């Protein structure tokens, strides 16, 4: 699909140089840049959702598991020759 956008002159010149350097049409460069920008923001959105989910959940270790873990670590440290 064709579309028209306005860009600052400096950005347009940098895009033109980059497209030439990469050997691709300028429109392909713009399409790729937009695609990467959108993917980046999708990942940020996923991170925000995960942060929201985990910030409201209880992250305390089950007391029974905590006791078992402590005993296991203690045994492991006793067997080490430091």
Protein backbone atom coordinates (compact mmCIF):
# COMPACT_ATOMS: atom_id res chain seq x y z
CA UNK A 1 0.00 0.00 0.00
CA UNK A 2 1.30 3.42 -0.84
CA UNK A 3 1.27 6.14 1.77
CA UNK A 4 2.82 9.57 2.24
CA UNK A 5 4.63 10.61 5.39
CA UNK A 6 6.48 13.73 6.42
CA UNK A 7 10.00 13.36 7.77
CA UNK A 8 12.57 15.87 8.96
CA UNK A 9 15.17 16.47 6.24
CA UNK A 10 18.00 15.10 8.37
CA UNK A 11 16.15 11.83 9.04
CA UNK A 12 15.24 11.46 5.36
CA UNK A 13 18.88 11.91 4.32
CA UNK A 14 20.03 9.34 6.88
CA UNK A 15 17.39 6.90 5.64
CA UNK A 16 18.45 7.47 2.04
CA UNK A 17 22.12 6.81 2.89
CA UNK A 18 21.21 3.71 4.89
CA UNK A 19 19.07 2.28 2.09
CA UNK A 20 21.88 2.82 -0.42
CA UNK A 21 24.41 1.25 1.96
CA UNK A 22 22.17 -1.79 2.46
CA UNK A 23 21.32 -2.00 -1.22
CA UNK A 24 17.58 -1.92 -0.64
CA UNK A 25 14.85 0.44 -1.78
CA UNK A 26 14.04 3.25 0.61
CA UNK A 27 10.44 2.04 0.94
CA UNK A 28 11.72 -1.38 2.05
CA UNK A 29 13.90 0.31 4.66
CA UNK A 30 10.91 2.25 5.99
CA UNK A 31 8.73 -0.88 6.05
CA UNK A 32 11.41 -2.87 7.91
CA UNK A 33 12.00 -0.06 10.41
CA UNK A 34 8.28 0.23 11.12
CA UNK A 35 7.96 -3.53 11.50
CA UNK A 36 10.82 -3.66 14.01
CA UNK A 37 9.37 -0.69 15.92
CA UNK A 38 5.98 -2.41 16.21
CA UNK A 39 7.57 -5.72 17.33
CA UNK A 40 9.60 -3.86 19.97
CA UNK A 41 6.45 -2.31 21.41
CA UNK A 42 4.62 -5.64 21.39
CA UNK A 43 7.39 -7.08 23.56
CA UNK A 44 7.14 -4.10 25.92
CA UNK A 45 3.42 -4.70 26.22
CA UNK A 46 4.02 -8.35 27.12
CA UNK A 47 6.54 -7.32 29.77
CA UNK A 48 4.08 -4.81 31.25
CA UNK A 49 1.37 -7.48 31.43
CA UNK A 50 3.71 -9.97 33.10
CA UNK A 51 4.84 -7.31 35.58
CA UNK A 52 1.20 -6.58 36.38
CA UNK A 53 0.37 -10.28 36.87
CA UNK A 54 3.36 -11.05 39.06
CA UNK A 55 3.14 -7.86 41.12
CA UNK A 56 -0.25 -8.94 42.44
CA UNK A 57 0.61 -12.56 43.16
CA UNK A 58 2.14 -13.88 46.34
CA UNK A 59 5.75 -14.78 45.68
CA UNK A 60 6.48 -16.21 49.13
CA UNK A 61 7.89 -19.69 49.11
CA UNK A 62 5.71 -22.33 50.72
CA UNK A 63 6.98 -22.76 54.32
CA UNK A 64 7.38 -26.54 53.91
CA UNK A 65 9.38 -26.11 50.70
CA UNK A 66 11.47 -23.40 52.34
CA UNK A 67 12.39 -25.73 55.21
CA UNK A 68 13.30 -28.55 52.80
CA UNK A 69 15.38 -26.17 50.71
CA UNK A 70 17.26 -24.87 53.77
CA UNK A 71 18.08 -28.41 54.92
CA UNK A 72 19.26 -29.36 51.44
CA UNK A 73 21.52 -26.32 51.21
CA UNK A 74 22.92 -26.98 54.70
CA UNK A 75 23.77 -30.56 53.77
CA UNK A 76 25.41 -29.43 50.56
CA UNK A 77 27.56 -26.84 52.32
CA UNK A 78 28.66 -29.32 55.00
CA UNK A 79 29.92 -31.67 52.27
CA UNK A 80 32.00 -28.94 50.60
CA UNK A 81 35.71 -28.79 51.33
CA UNK A 82 36.53 -25.11 51.42
